[in-house]
Amino acid sequence: MNSNISLPGLEGVIVTKSFEQDGNYQLHVELERVPHHCPSCNQVTEKVHDYRIQKVQHHHIFGRQTTLFYR
């Protein structure tokens, strides 16, 4: 999704999906992947063993209640 709208509090995230369902605006977001140190071997890697999606209540956007799904 390409958009030039800046959403308050969401600078620096990548919006992967957005839609409205039952009057609730849902945004699926993630951060850009960056190299980090493996906790086991301390090598620098960009691989992640597992992701979980966190459901986060957000402020109203465009006058609609908004839920973030953060990966």
PDB file of N, CA and C in Angstrom:
ATOM      1  N   MET A   1       0.848  -1.172   0.000  1.00  0.00           N
ATOM      2  CA  MET A   1       0.000   0.000   0.000  1.00  0.00           C
ATOM      3  C   MET A   1       0.890   1.229   0.000  1.00  0.00           C
ATOM      4  N   ASN A   2       0.671   2.105  -0.928  1.00  0.00           N
ATOM      5  CA  ASN A   2       1.415   3.349  -0.996  1.00  0.00           C
ATOM      6  C   ASN A   2       0.494   4.486  -0.613  1.00  0.00           C
ATOM      7  N   SER A   3       0.953   5.301   0.319  1.00  0.00           N
ATOM      8  CA  SER A   3       0.134   6.416   0.775  1.00  0.00           C
ATOM      9  C   SER A   3       1.044   7.545   1.212  1.00  0.00           C
ATOM     10  N   ASN A   4       0.604   8.757   1.002  1.00  0.00           N
ATOM     11  CA  ASN A   4       1.381   9.899   1.448  1.00  0.00           C
ATOM     12  C   ASN A   4       0.766  10.527   2.693  1.00  0.00           C
ATOM     13  N   ILE A   5      -0.172   9.840   3.336  1.00  0.00           N
ATOM     14  CA  ILE A   5      -0.793  10.340   4.554  1.00  0.00           C
ATOM     15  C   ILE A   5       0.060   9.924   5.740  1.00  0.00           C
ATOM     16  N   SER A   6       0.397  10.876   6.600  1.00  0.00           N
ATOM     17  CA  SER A   6       1.129  10.593   7.817  1.00  0.00           C
ATOM     18  C   SER A   6       0.128  10.382   8.945  1.00  0.00           C
ATOM     19  N   LEU A   7       0.159   9.194   9.541  1.00  0.00           N
ATOM     20  CA  LEU A   7      -0.761   8.891  10.628  1.00  0.00           C
ATOM     21  C   LEU A   7      -0.092   9.221  11.957  1.00  0.00           C
ATOM     22  N   PRO A   8      -0.785   9.938  12.835  1.00  0.00           N
ATOM     23  CA  PRO A   8      -0.181  10.340  14.108  1.00  0.00           C
ATOM     24  C   PRO A   8       0.224   9.145  14.961  1.00  0.00           C
ATOM     25  N   GLY A   9       1.469   9.163  15.418  1.00  0.00           N
ATOM     26  CA  GLY A   9       1.987   8.106  16.267  1.00  0.00           C
ATOM     27  C   GLY A   9       2.477   6.898  15.504  1.00  0.00           C
ATOM     28  N   LEU A  10       2.360   6.912  14.182  1.00  0.00           N
ATOM     29  CA  LEU A  10       2.763   5.748  13.397  1.00  0.00           C
ATOM     30  C   LEU A  10       3.884   6.071  12.412  1.00  0.00           C
ATOM     31  N   GLU A  11       4.663   7.085  12.715  1.00  0.00           N
ATOM     32  CA  GLU A  11       5.789   7.416  11.866  1.00  0.00           C
ATOM     33  C   GLU A  11       6.817   6.290  11.963  1.00  0.00           C
ATOM     34  N   GLY A  12       7.366   5.869  10.849  1.00  0.00           N
ATOM     35  CA  GLY A  12       8.405   4.851  10.850  1.00  0.00           C
ATOM     36  C   GLY A  12       7.906   3.421  10.796  1.00  0.00           C
ATOM     37  N   VAL A  13       6.605   3.190  10.684  1.00  0.00           N
ATOM     38  CA  VAL A  13       6.097   1.827  10.552  1.00  0.00           C
ATOM     39  C   VAL A  13       5.641   1.586   9.121  1.00  0.00           C
ATOM     40  N   ILE A  14       5.586   0.330   8.758  1.00  0.00           N
ATOM     41  CA  ILE A  14       5.123  -0.067   7.435  1.00  0.00           C
ATOM     42  C   ILE A  14       3.701  -0.593   7.593  1.00  0.00           C
ATOM     43  N   VAL A  15       2.756   0.008   6.897  1.00  0.00           N
ATOM     44  CA  VAL A  15       1.370  -0.453   6.926  1.00  0.00           C
ATOM     45  C   VAL A  15       1.225  -1.511   5.842  1.00  0.00           C
ATOM     46  N   THR A  16       0.949  -2.760   6.258  1.00  0.00           N
ATOM     47  CA  THR A  16       0.847  -3.856   5.306  1.00  0.00           C
ATOM     48  C   THR A  16      -0.587  -4.092   4.841  1.00  0.00           C
ATOM     49  N   LYS A  17      -1.554  -3.712   5.677  1.00  0.00           N
ATOM     50  CA  LYS A  17      -2.955  -3.920   5.323  1.00  0.00           C
ATOM     51  C   LYS A  17      -3.797  -2.952   6.135  1.00  0.00           C
ATOM     52  N   SER A  18      -4.862  -2.434   5.545  1.00  0.00           N
ATOM     53  CA  SER A  18      -5.785  -1.582   6.284  1.00  0.00           C
ATOM     54  C   SER A  18      -7.182  -1.755   5.711  1.00  0.00           C
ATOM     55  N   PHE A  19      -8.164  -1.808   6.600  1.00  0.00           N
ATOM     56  CA  PHE A  19      -9.550  -1.933   6.171  1.00  0.00           C
ATOM     57  C   PHE A  19     -10.472  -1.594   7.335  1.00  0.00           C
ATOM     58  N   GLU A  20     -11.739  -1.421   7.034  1.00  0.00           N
ATOM     59  CA  GLU A  20     -12.752  -1.140   8.050  1.00  0.00           C
ATOM     60  C   GLU A  20     -13.659  -2.350   8.169  1.00  0.00           C
ATOM     61  N   GLN A  21     -13.917  -2.765   9.426  1.00  0.00           N
ATOM     62  CA  GLN A  21     -14.787  -3.906   9.675  1.00  0.00           C
ATOM     63  C   GLN A  21     -15.659  -3.601  10.882  1.00  0.00           C
ATOM     64  N   ASP A  22     -16.948  -3.647  10.693  1.00  0.00           N
ATOM     65  CA  ASP A  22     -17.922  -3.386  11.766  1.00  0.00           C
ATOM     66  C   ASP A  22     -17.689  -2.038  12.447  1.00  0.00           C
ATOM     67  N   GLY A  23     -17.370  -1.012  11.670  1.00  0.00           N
ATOM     68  CA  GLY A  23     -17.161   0.326  12.208  1.00  0.00           C
ATOM     69  C   GLY A  23     -15.819   0.526  12.885  1.00  0.00           C
ATOM     70  N   ASN A  24     -14.957  -0.465  12.852  1.00  0.00           N
ATOM     71  CA  ASN A  24     -13.632  -0.387  13.468  1.00  0.00           C
ATOM     72  C   ASN A  24     -12.582  -0.395  12.361  1.00  0.00           C
ATOM     73  N   TYR A  25     -11.719   0.615  12.352  1.00  0.00           N
ATOM     74  CA  TYR A  25     -10.657   0.727  11.357  1.00  0.00           C
ATOM     75  C   TYR A  25      -9.490  -0.132  11.826  1.00  0.00           C
ATOM     76  N   GLN A  26      -9.031  -1.077  11.006  1.00  0.00           N
ATOM     77  CA  GLN A  26      -7.947  -1.979  11.382  1.00  0.00           C
ATOM     78  C   GLN A  26      -6.720  -1.716  10.525  1.00  0.00           C
ATOM     79  N   LEU A  27      -5.591  -1.544  11.202  1.00  0.00           N
ATOM     80  CA  LEU A  27      -4.309  -1.343  10.527  1.00  0.00           C
ATOM     81  C   LEU A  27      -3.371  -2.473  10.922  1.00  0.00           C
ATOM     82  N   HIS A  28      -2.781  -3.128   9.944  1.00  0.00           N
ATOM     83  CA  HIS A  28      -1.774  -4.147  10.194  1.00  0.00           C
ATOM     84  C   HIS A  28      -0.433  -3.509   9.875  1.00  0.00           C
ATOM     85  N   VAL A  29       0.437  -3.423  10.894  1.00  0.00           N
ATOM     86  CA  VAL A  29       1.701  -2.701  10.750  1.00  0.00           C
ATOM     87  C   VAL A  29       2.875  -3.559  11.211  1.00  0.00           C
ATOM     88  N   GLU A  30       4.050  -3.201  10.730  1.00  0.00           N
ATOM     89  CA  GLU A  30       5.283  -3.825  11.194  1.00  0.00           C
ATOM     90  C   GLU A  30       6.419  -2.832  11.026  1.00  0.00           C
ATOM     91  N   LEU A  31       7.499  -3.048  11.759  1.00  0.00           N
ATOM     92  CA  LEU A  31       8.685  -2.225  11.638  1.00  0.00           C
ATOM     93  C   LEU A  31       9.611  -2.831  10.596  1.00  0.00           C
ATOM     94  N   GLU A  32      10.448  -1.991  10.010  1.00  0.00           N
ATOM     95  CA  GLU A  32      11.432  -2.477   9.064  1.00  0.00           C
ATOM     96  C   GLU A  32      12.414  -3.392   9.789  1.00  0.00           C
ATOM     97  N   ARG A  33      12.782  -4.488   9.149  1.00  0.00           N
ATOM     98  CA  ARG A  33      13.702  -5.440   9.765  1.00  0.00           C
ATOM     99  C   ARG A  33      15.113  -4.862   9.778  1.00  0.00           C
ATOM    100  N   VAL A  34      15.777  -4.937  10.918  1.00  0.00           N
ATOM    101  CA  VAL A  34      17.146  -4.433  11.063  1.00  0.00           C
ATOM    102  C   VAL A  34      18.021  -5.534  11.664  1.00  0.00           C
ATOM    103  N   PRO A  35      19.314  -5.511  11.380  1.00  0.00           N
ATOM    104  CA  PRO A  35      20.207  -6.515  11.968  1.00  0.00           C
ATOM    105  C   PRO A  35      20.232  -6.408  13.495  1.00  0.00           C
ATOM    106  N   HIS A  36      20.347  -7.561  14.150  1.00  0.00           N
ATOM    107  CA  HIS A  36      20.414  -7.604  15.607  1.00  0.00           C
ATOM    108  C   HIS A  36      21.287  -8.793  16.012  1.00  0.00           C
ATOM    109  N   HIS A  37      21.619  -8.867  17.292  1.00  0.00           N
ATOM    110  CA  HIS A  37      22.469  -9.943  17.797  1.00  0.00           C
ATOM    111  C   HIS A  37      21.611 -11.121  18.247  1.00  0.00           C
ATOM    112  N   CYS A  38      22.007 -12.311  17.825  1.00  0.00           N
ATOM    113  CA  CYS A  38      21.343 -13.539  18.250  1.00  0.00           C
ATOM    114  C   CYS A  38      21.606 -13.737  19.747  1.00  0.00           C
ATOM    115  N   PRO A  39      20.564 -14.024  20.543  1.00  0.00           N
ATOM    116  CA  PRO A  39      20.782 -14.203  21.981  1.00  0.00           C
ATOM    117  C   PRO A  39      21.573 -15.468  22.318  1.00  0.00           C
ATOM    118  N   SER A  40      21.616 -16.445  21.400  1.00  0.00           N
ATOM    119  CA  SER A  40      22.338 -17.689  21.677  1.00  0.00           C
ATOM    120  C   SER A  40      23.816 -17.606  21.320  1.00  0.00           C
ATOM    121  N   CYS A  41      24.101 -17.203  20.063  1.00  0.00           N
ATOM    122  CA  CYS A  41      25.490 -17.224  19.599  1.00  0.00           C
ATOM    123  C   CYS A  41      26.119 -15.838  19.467  1.00  0.00           C
ATOM    124  N   ASN A  42      25.341 -14.793  19.653  1.00  0.00           N
ATOM    125  CA  ASN A  42      25.784 -13.401  19.609  1.00  0.00           C
ATOM    126  C   ASN A  42      26.242 -12.959  18.219  1.00  0.00           C
ATOM    127  N   GLN A  43      25.905 -13.722  17.176  1.00  0.00           N
ATOM    128  CA  GLN A  43      26.204 -13.324  15.803  1.00  0.00           C
ATOM    129  C   GLN A  43      25.153 -12.318  15.329  1.00  0.00           C
ATOM    130  N   VAL A  44      25.545 -11.437  14.421  1.00  0.00           N
ATOM    131  CA  VAL A  44      24.612 -10.468  13.861  1.00  0.00           C
ATOM    132  C   VAL A  44      23.793 -11.156  12.774  1.00  0.00           C
ATOM    133  N   THR A  45      22.468 -11.003  12.834  1.00  0.00           N
ATOM    134  CA  THR A  45      21.578 -11.643  11.881  1.00  0.00           C
ATOM    135  C   THR A  45      20.338 -10.781  11.646  1.00  0.00           C
ATOM    136  N   GLU A  46      19.647 -11.024  10.536  1.00  0.00           N
ATOM    137  CA  GLU A  46      18.364 -10.374  10.279  1.00  0.00           C
ATOM    138  C   GLU A  46      17.221 -11.372  10.403  1.00  0.00           C
ATOM    139  N   LYS A  47      17.542 -12.632  10.665  1.00  0.00           N
ATOM    140  CA  LYS A  47      16.522 -13.664  10.778  1.00  0.00           C
ATOM    141  C   LYS A  47      15.848 -13.601  12.146  1.00  0.00           C
ATOM    142  N   VAL A  48      14.555 -13.902  12.149  1.00  0.00           N
ATOM    143  CA  VAL A  48      13.786 -13.940  13.386  1.00  0.00           C
ATOM    144  C   VAL A  48      13.155 -15.316  13.488  1.00  0.00           C
ATOM    145  N   HIS A  49      13.291 -15.959  14.632  1.00  0.00           N
ATOM    146  CA  HIS A  49      12.768 -17.310  14.811  1.00  0.00           C
ATOM    147  C   HIS A  49      11.249 -17.351  14.738  1.00  0.00           C
ATOM    148  N   ASP A  50      10.597 -16.377  15.353  1.00  0.00           N
ATOM    149  CA  ASP A  50       9.143 -16.416  15.409  1.00  0.00           C
ATOM    150  C   ASP A  50       8.585 -15.007  15.567  1.00  0.00           C
ATOM    151  N   TYR A  51       7.442 -14.776  14.989  1.00  0.00           N
ATOM    152  CA  TYR A  51       6.728 -13.516  15.145  1.00  0.00           C
ATOM    153  C   TYR A  51       5.413 -13.793  15.857  1.00  0.00           C
ATOM    154  N   ARG A  52       4.930 -12.819  16.565  1.00  0.00           N
ATOM    155  CA  ARG A  52       3.579 -12.895  17.105  1.00  0.00           C
ATOM    156  C   ARG A  52       2.901 -11.574  16.801  1.00  0.00           C
ATOM    157  N   ILE A  53       1.624 -11.626  16.606  1.00  0.00           N
ATOM    158  CA  ILE A  53       0.875 -10.417  16.281  1.00  0.00           C
ATOM    159  C   ILE A  53       0.230  -9.904  17.558  1.00  0.00           C
ATOM    160  N   GLN A  54       0.482  -8.636  17.858  1.00  0.00           N
ATOM    161  CA  GLN A  54      -0.079  -8.007  19.047  1.00  0.00           C
ATOM    162  C   GLN A  54      -1.213  -7.080  18.631  1.00  0.00           C
ATOM    163  N   LYS A  55      -2.330  -7.205  19.301  1.00  0.00           N
ATOM    164  CA  LYS A  55      -3.485  -6.349  19.048  1.00  0.00           C
ATOM    165  C   LYS A  55      -3.394  -5.164  19.995  1.00  0.00           C
ATOM    166  N   VAL A  56      -3.350  -3.944  19.422  1.00  0.00           N
ATOM    167  CA  VAL A  56      -3.140  -2.732  20.207  1.00  0.00           C
ATOM    168  C   VAL A  56      -4.280  -1.751  19.933  1.00  0.00           C
ATOM    169  N   GLN A  57      -4.936  -1.277  20.989  1.00  0.00           N
ATOM    170  CA  GLN A  57      -5.967  -0.251  20.846  1.00  0.00           C
ATOM    171  C   GLN A  57      -5.283   1.072  20.552  1.00  0.00           C
ATOM    172  N   HIS A  58      -5.743   1.803  19.555  1.00  0.00           N
ATOM    173  CA  HIS A  58      -5.112   3.058  19.151  1.00  0.00           C
ATOM    174  C   HIS A  58      -6.132   4.179  19.237  1.00  0.00           C
ATOM    175  N   HIS A  59      -5.668   5.410  19.082  1.00  0.00           N
ATOM    176  CA  HIS A  59      -6.555   6.568  19.062  1.00  0.00           C
ATOM    177  C   HIS A  59      -7.498   6.490  17.874  1.00  0.00           C
ATOM    178  N   HIS A  60      -8.498   7.324  17.873  1.00  0.00           N
ATOM    179  CA  HIS A  60      -9.391   7.398  16.718  1.00  0.00           C
ATOM    180  C   HIS A  60      -8.629   7.979  15.531  1.00  0.00           C
ATOM    181  N   ILE A  61      -8.781   7.355  14.379  1.00  0.00           N
ATOM    182  CA  ILE A  61      -8.203   7.868  13.143  1.00  0.00           C
ATOM    183  C   ILE A  61      -9.352   8.068  12.175  1.00  0.00           C
ATOM    184  N   PHE A  62      -9.393   9.236  11.568  1.00  0.00           N
ATOM    185  CA  PHE A  62     -10.458   9.592  10.634  1.00  0.00           C
ATOM    186  C   PHE A  62     -11.838   9.459  11.286  1.00  0.00           C
ATOM    187  N   GLY A  63     -11.918   9.719  12.591  1.00  0.00           N
ATOM    188  CA  GLY A  63     -13.187   9.679  13.306  1.00  0.00           C
ATOM    189  C   GLY A  63     -13.687   8.275  13.614  1.00  0.00           C
ATOM    190  N   ARG A  64     -12.858   7.263  13.387  1.00  0.00           N
ATOM    191  CA  ARG A  64     -13.257   5.871  13.643  1.00  0.00           C
ATOM    192  C   ARG A  64     -12.379   5.246  14.697  1.00  0.00           C
ATOM    193  N   GLN A  65     -12.969   4.363  15.484  1.00  0.00           N
ATOM    194  CA  GLN A  65     -12.182   3.616  16.446  1.00  0.00           C
ATOM    195  C   GLN A  65     -11.179   2.765  15.682  1.00  0.00           C
ATOM    196  N   THR A  66      -9.938   2.693  16.163  1.00  0.00           N
ATOM    197  CA  THR A  66      -8.872   2.053  15.415  1.00  0.00           C
ATOM    198  C   THR A  66      -8.167   0.998  16.252  1.00  0.00           C
ATOM    199  N   THR A  67      -7.882  -0.130  15.628  1.00  0.00           N
ATOM    200  CA  THR A  67      -7.107  -1.203  16.257  1.00  0.00           C
ATOM    201  C   THR A  67      -5.890  -1.476  15.388  1.00  0.00           C
ATOM    202  N   LEU A  68      -4.720  -1.561  16.039  1.00  0.00           N
ATOM    203  CA  LEU A  68      -3.483  -1.899  15.340  1.00  0.00           C
ATOM    204  C   LEU A  68      -3.184  -3.374  15.557  1.00  0.00           C
ATOM    205  N   PHE A  69      -2.741  -4.029  14.527  1.00  0.00           N
ATOM    206  CA  PHE A  69      -2.236  -5.382  14.632  1.00  0.00           C
ATOM    207  C   PHE A  69      -0.763  -5.293  14.286  1.00  0.00           C
ATOM    208  N   TYR A  70       0.073  -5.374  15.333  1.00  0.00           N
ATOM    209  CA  TYR A  70       1.512  -5.139  15.203  1.00  0.00           C
ATOM    210  C   TYR A  70       2.247  -6.476  15.111  1.00  0.00           C
ATOM    211  N   ARG A  71       2.964  -6.655  14.039  1.00  0.00           N
ATOM    212  CA  ARG A  71       3.753  -7.876  13.852  1.00  0.00           C
ATOM    213  C   ARG A  71       5.193  -7.580  14.189  1.00  0.00           C
TER     214      ARG A  71
END
